[in-house]
Amino acid sequence: MEAFEVTVLGERWRIAEREPMGATPAYDLDWLDGPADGTYGFAVGGAPLTPEQLIAEATAFVEGFSEAGGIGEDFPGFVPARFRDAGFRDAG
């Protein structure tokens, strides 16, 4: 699969497949306009995934990011696009 970019809930992602020789593929999901100056992301693997499944992974991540107890608490200065667009700002 060729790497591709997608926008999910206002957030830009680059999704790329890594296929180690003799192993199942893994996928890097880089949050291009996310926290840590766009260097934040995550990887999934264990089975081949379709682009639609990978987009669903990014969507679930963005949705859970700002939930109570979510990883977003580790980035207090970052406001996701869907909240920026709604007029919310960082309180810090």
N, C-alpha and C. Protein backbone atom coordinates (compact mmCIF):
# COMPACT_ATOMS: atom_id res chain seq x y z
N MET A 1 0.85 -1.18 0.00
CA MET A 1 0.00 0.00 0.00
C MET A 1 0.90 1.24 0.00
N GLU A 2 0.57 2.17 -0.85
CA GLU A 2 1.29 3.44 -0.89
C GLU A 2 0.89 4.28 0.34
N ALA A 3 1.84 5.06 0.83
CA ALA A 3 1.52 5.98 1.93
C ALA A 3 0.48 6.99 1.42
N PHE A 4 -0.39 7.44 2.34
CA PHE A 4 -1.39 8.42 1.95
C PHE A 4 -1.66 9.36 3.12
N GLU A 5 -2.23 10.51 2.80
CA GLU A 5 -2.63 11.49 3.82
C GLU A 5 -4.14 11.59 3.82
N VAL A 6 -4.67 11.82 5.01
CA VAL A 6 -6.11 11.92 5.18
C VAL A 6 -6.39 12.93 6.30
N THR A 7 -7.54 13.58 6.24
CA THR A 7 -7.98 14.48 7.31
C THR A 7 -9.13 13.80 8.04
N VAL A 8 -8.98 13.68 9.36
CA VAL A 8 -9.96 13.01 10.22
C VAL A 8 -10.34 13.98 11.32
N LEU A 9 -11.62 14.35 11.39
CA LEU A 9 -12.11 15.28 12.42
C LEU A 9 -11.25 16.55 12.47
N GLY A 10 -10.85 17.02 11.29
CA GLY A 10 -10.06 18.24 11.20
C GLY A 10 -8.57 18.06 11.40
N GLU A 11 -8.12 16.84 11.67
CA GLU A 11 -6.70 16.56 11.94
C GLU A 11 -6.08 15.84 10.74
N ARG A 12 -4.89 16.28 10.34
CA ARG A 12 -4.21 15.67 9.20
C ARG A 12 -3.30 14.52 9.65
N TRP A 13 -3.38 13.42 8.92
CA TRP A 13 -2.60 12.21 9.20
C TRP A 13 -1.88 11.73 7.95
N ARG A 14 -0.69 11.18 8.14
CA ARG A 14 0.01 10.43 7.10
C ARG A 14 0.04 8.98 7.56
N ILE A 15 -0.40 8.09 6.70
CA ILE A 15 -0.46 6.67 7.04
C ILE A 15 0.43 5.91 6.06
N ALA A 16 1.35 5.13 6.61
CA ALA A 16 2.30 4.39 5.78
C ALA A 16 2.44 2.97 6.29
N GLU A 17 2.61 2.06 5.37
CA GLU A 17 2.76 0.64 5.70
C GLU A 17 4.25 0.29 5.79
N ARG A 18 4.57 -0.50 6.80
CA ARG A 18 5.90 -1.12 6.92
C ARG A 18 5.67 -2.62 6.81
N GLU A 19 6.39 -3.25 5.95
CA GLU A 19 6.22 -4.69 5.78
C GLU A 19 7.58 -5.36 5.94
N PRO A 20 7.94 -5.68 7.19
CA PRO A 20 9.22 -6.35 7.40
C PRO A 20 9.25 -7.69 6.67
N MET A 21 10.40 -8.04 6.13
CA MET A 21 10.52 -9.28 5.39
C MET A 21 10.06 -10.47 6.24
N GLY A 22 9.12 -11.22 5.71
CA GLY A 22 8.65 -12.41 6.40
C GLY A 22 7.73 -12.15 7.58
N ALA A 23 7.23 -10.93 7.72
CA ALA A 23 6.37 -10.61 8.86
C ALA A 23 5.08 -9.96 8.36
N THR A 24 4.09 -9.91 9.24
CA THR A 24 2.86 -9.20 8.89
C THR A 24 3.13 -7.71 8.87
N PRO A 25 2.39 -6.97 8.08
CA PRO A 25 2.64 -5.54 7.99
C PRO A 25 2.30 -4.80 9.29
N ALA A 26 2.96 -3.69 9.45
CA ALA A 26 2.65 -2.73 10.51
C ALA A 26 2.40 -1.40 9.81
N TYR A 27 1.68 -0.51 10.48
CA TYR A 27 1.31 0.76 9.87
C TYR A 27 1.65 1.89 10.82
N ASP A 28 2.31 2.91 10.28
CA ASP A 28 2.63 4.11 11.05
C ASP A 28 1.60 5.17 10.74
N LEU A 29 0.99 5.71 11.79
CA LEU A 29 0.01 6.78 11.66
C LEU A 29 0.61 8.02 12.30
N ASP A 30 1.04 8.97 11.48
CA ASP A 30 1.69 10.19 11.95
C ASP A 30 0.69 11.34 11.93
N TRP A 31 0.49 11.96 13.09
CA TRP A 31 -0.46 13.06 13.26
C TRP A 31 0.27 14.34 12.86
N LEU A 32 0.09 14.77 11.62
CA LEU A 32 0.89 15.85 11.05
C LEU A 32 0.70 17.19 11.72
N ASP A 33 -0.48 17.48 12.21
CA ASP A 33 -0.71 18.76 12.89
C ASP A 33 -1.10 18.53 14.35
N GLY A 34 -0.68 17.41 14.88
CA GLY A 34 -0.99 17.05 16.26
C GLY A 34 0.00 17.64 17.25
N PRO A 35 -0.04 17.16 18.48
CA PRO A 35 0.85 17.68 19.52
C PRO A 35 2.31 17.37 19.22
N ALA A 36 3.18 18.01 19.98
CA ALA A 36 4.64 17.81 19.85
C ALA A 36 5.10 18.23 18.45
N ASP A 37 4.57 19.35 17.97
CA ASP A 37 4.96 19.90 16.67
C ASP A 37 4.80 18.91 15.53
N GLY A 38 3.76 18.12 15.56
CA GLY A 38 3.47 17.19 14.49
C GLY A 38 4.33 15.95 14.46
N THR A 39 5.03 15.67 15.56
CA THR A 39 5.87 14.48 15.61
C THR A 39 5.18 13.32 16.32
N TYR A 40 3.94 13.51 16.73
CA TYR A 40 3.23 12.50 17.49
C TYR A 40 2.47 11.56 16.56
N GLY A 41 2.35 10.32 16.95
CA GLY A 41 1.60 9.35 16.18
C GLY A 41 1.62 8.02 16.89
N PHE A 42 1.22 6.99 16.18
CA PHE A 42 1.23 5.65 16.77
C PHE A 42 1.31 4.63 15.65
N ALA A 43 1.49 3.38 16.01
CA ALA A 43 1.58 2.30 15.03
C ALA A 43 0.58 1.21 15.40
N VAL A 44 0.08 0.52 14.39
CA VAL A 44 -0.79 -0.64 14.57
C VAL A 44 -0.26 -1.75 13.67
N GLY A 45 -0.58 -2.95 14.02
CA GLY A 45 -0.13 -4.07 13.20
C GLY A 45 -0.77 -5.36 13.66
N GLY A 46 -0.21 -6.46 13.18
CA GLY A 46 -0.71 -7.76 13.57
C GLY A 46 -1.50 -8.45 12.47
N ALA A 47 -1.99 -7.66 11.52
CA ALA A 47 -2.75 -8.21 10.40
C ALA A 47 -2.81 -7.15 9.30
N PRO A 48 -2.96 -7.58 8.06
CA PRO A 48 -3.15 -6.60 6.99
C PRO A 48 -4.43 -5.79 7.24
N LEU A 49 -4.36 -4.49 7.02
CA LEU A 49 -5.51 -3.60 7.21
C LEU A 49 -5.77 -2.82 5.92
N THR A 50 -7.03 -2.51 5.69
CA THR A 50 -7.41 -1.70 4.52
C THR A 50 -7.24 -0.22 4.87
N PRO A 51 -7.19 0.64 3.85
CA PRO A 51 -7.17 2.08 4.14
C PRO A 51 -8.35 2.50 5.02
N GLU A 52 -9.52 1.94 4.78
CA GLU A 52 -10.69 2.31 5.58
C GLU A 52 -10.50 1.92 7.05
N GLN A 53 -9.91 0.76 7.30
CA GLN A 53 -9.66 0.33 8.68
C GLN A 53 -8.62 1.24 9.34
N LEU A 54 -7.62 1.67 8.58
CA LEU A 54 -6.61 2.56 9.13
C LEU A 54 -7.17 3.94 9.44
N ILE A 55 -8.04 4.42 8.58
CA ILE A 55 -8.71 5.70 8.84
C ILE A 55 -9.58 5.59 10.09
N ALA A 56 -10.24 4.45 10.28
CA ALA A 56 -11.04 4.23 11.49
C ALA A 56 -10.15 4.24 12.73
N GLU A 57 -8.94 3.70 12.63
CA GLU A 57 -7.99 3.73 13.76
C GLU A 57 -7.64 5.17 14.11
N ALA A 58 -7.34 5.99 13.10
CA ALA A 58 -7.01 7.40 13.35
C ALA A 58 -8.20 8.14 13.94
N THR A 59 -9.39 7.86 13.44
CA THR A 59 -10.60 8.50 13.95
C THR A 59 -10.82 8.16 15.43
N ALA A 60 -10.70 6.89 15.76
CA ALA A 60 -10.88 6.48 17.16
C ALA A 60 -9.83 7.12 18.06
N PHE A 61 -8.61 7.26 17.56
CA PHE A 61 -7.55 7.88 18.35
C PHE A 61 -7.88 9.34 18.62
N VAL A 62 -8.28 10.07 17.58
CA VAL A 62 -8.62 11.49 17.76
C VAL A 62 -9.80 11.64 18.71
N GLU A 63 -10.81 10.80 18.56
CA GLU A 63 -11.97 10.89 19.44
C GLU A 63 -11.60 10.63 20.90
N GLY A 64 -10.73 9.68 21.16
CA GLY A 64 -10.35 9.35 22.52
C GLY A 64 -9.29 10.26 23.12
N PHE A 65 -8.61 11.01 22.28
CA PHE A 65 -7.49 11.84 22.72
C PHE A 65 -7.90 12.81 23.83
N SER A 66 -9.04 13.45 23.67
CA SER A 66 -9.47 14.49 24.62
C SER A 66 -10.47 14.01 25.66
N GLU A 67 -10.75 12.72 25.67
CA GLU A 67 -11.64 12.17 26.69
C GLU A 67 -10.98 12.25 28.07
N ALA A 68 -11.78 12.29 29.11
CA ALA A 68 -11.23 12.27 30.47
C ALA A 68 -10.33 11.06 30.63
N GLY A 69 -9.12 11.29 31.10
CA GLY A 69 -8.16 10.21 31.26
C GLY A 69 -7.43 9.86 29.98
N GLY A 70 -7.73 10.55 28.88
CA GLY A 70 -7.08 10.29 27.60
C GLY A 70 -5.67 10.85 27.54
N ILE A 71 -4.96 10.45 26.51
CA ILE A 71 -3.57 10.87 26.35
C ILE A 71 -3.44 12.39 26.19
N GLY A 72 -4.53 13.05 25.79
CA GLY A 72 -4.50 14.49 25.63
C GLY A 72 -4.09 15.23 26.90
N GLU A 73 -4.33 14.62 28.05
CA GLU A 73 -3.93 15.25 29.32
C GLU A 73 -2.42 15.42 29.41
N ASP A 74 -1.67 14.65 28.63
CA ASP A 74 -0.22 14.78 28.62
C ASP A 74 0.26 15.95 27.75
N PHE A 75 -0.66 16.59 27.03
CA PHE A 75 -0.34 17.70 26.14
C PHE A 75 -1.27 18.87 26.43
N PRO A 76 -1.13 19.50 27.60
CA PRO A 76 -2.10 20.52 28.01
C PRO A 76 -2.15 21.74 27.10
N GLY A 77 -1.12 22.02 26.33
CA GLY A 77 -1.14 23.18 25.44
C GLY A 77 -1.75 22.90 24.09
N PHE A 78 -2.12 21.67 23.82
CA PHE A 78 -2.63 21.31 22.50
C PHE A 78 -4.15 21.26 22.52
N VAL A 79 -4.77 21.91 21.54
CA VAL A 79 -6.23 21.88 21.39
C VAL A 79 -6.53 21.25 20.03
N PRO A 80 -7.21 20.10 20.00
CA PRO A 80 -7.56 19.47 18.73
C PRO A 80 -8.39 20.39 17.84
N ALA A 81 -8.26 20.19 16.53
CA ALA A 81 -8.93 21.05 15.53
C ALA A 81 -10.43 21.15 15.76
N ARG A 82 -11.07 20.03 16.10
CA ARG A 82 -12.54 20.10 16.25
C ARG A 82 -12.94 21.02 17.39
N PHE A 83 -12.07 21.20 18.39
CA PHE A 83 -12.37 22.14 19.48
C PHE A 83 -11.91 23.54 19.11
N ARG A 84 -10.78 23.68 18.42
CA ARG A 84 -10.33 25.00 17.95
C ARG A 84 -11.40 25.59 17.05
N ASP A 85 -11.90 24.78 16.12
CA ASP A 85 -12.91 25.25 15.17
C ASP A 85 -14.20 25.65 15.86
N ALA A 86 -14.46 25.08 17.04
CA ALA A 86 -15.67 25.42 17.80
C ALA A 86 -15.45 26.60 18.74
N GLY A 87 -14.24 27.16 18.72
CA GLY A 87 -13.96 28.34 19.53
C GLY A 87 -13.32 28.07 20.87
N PHE A 88 -13.01 26.80 21.19
CA PHE A 88 -12.34 26.48 22.45
C PHE A 88 -10.87 26.83 22.32
N ARG A 89 -10.26 27.25 23.39
CA ARG A 89 -8.85 27.59 23.42
C ARG A 89 -8.21 26.93 24.63
N ASP A 90 -6.90 26.85 24.59
CA ASP A 90 -6.14 26.31 25.72
C ASP A 90 -6.26 27.26 26.90
N ALA A 91 -6.57 26.70 28.05
CA ALA A 91 -6.71 27.52 29.25
C ALA A 91 -5.36 27.84 29.87
N GLY A 92 -4.31 27.14 29.46
CA GLY A 92 -2.98 27.32 30.04
C GLY A 92 -2.26 28.36 29.35
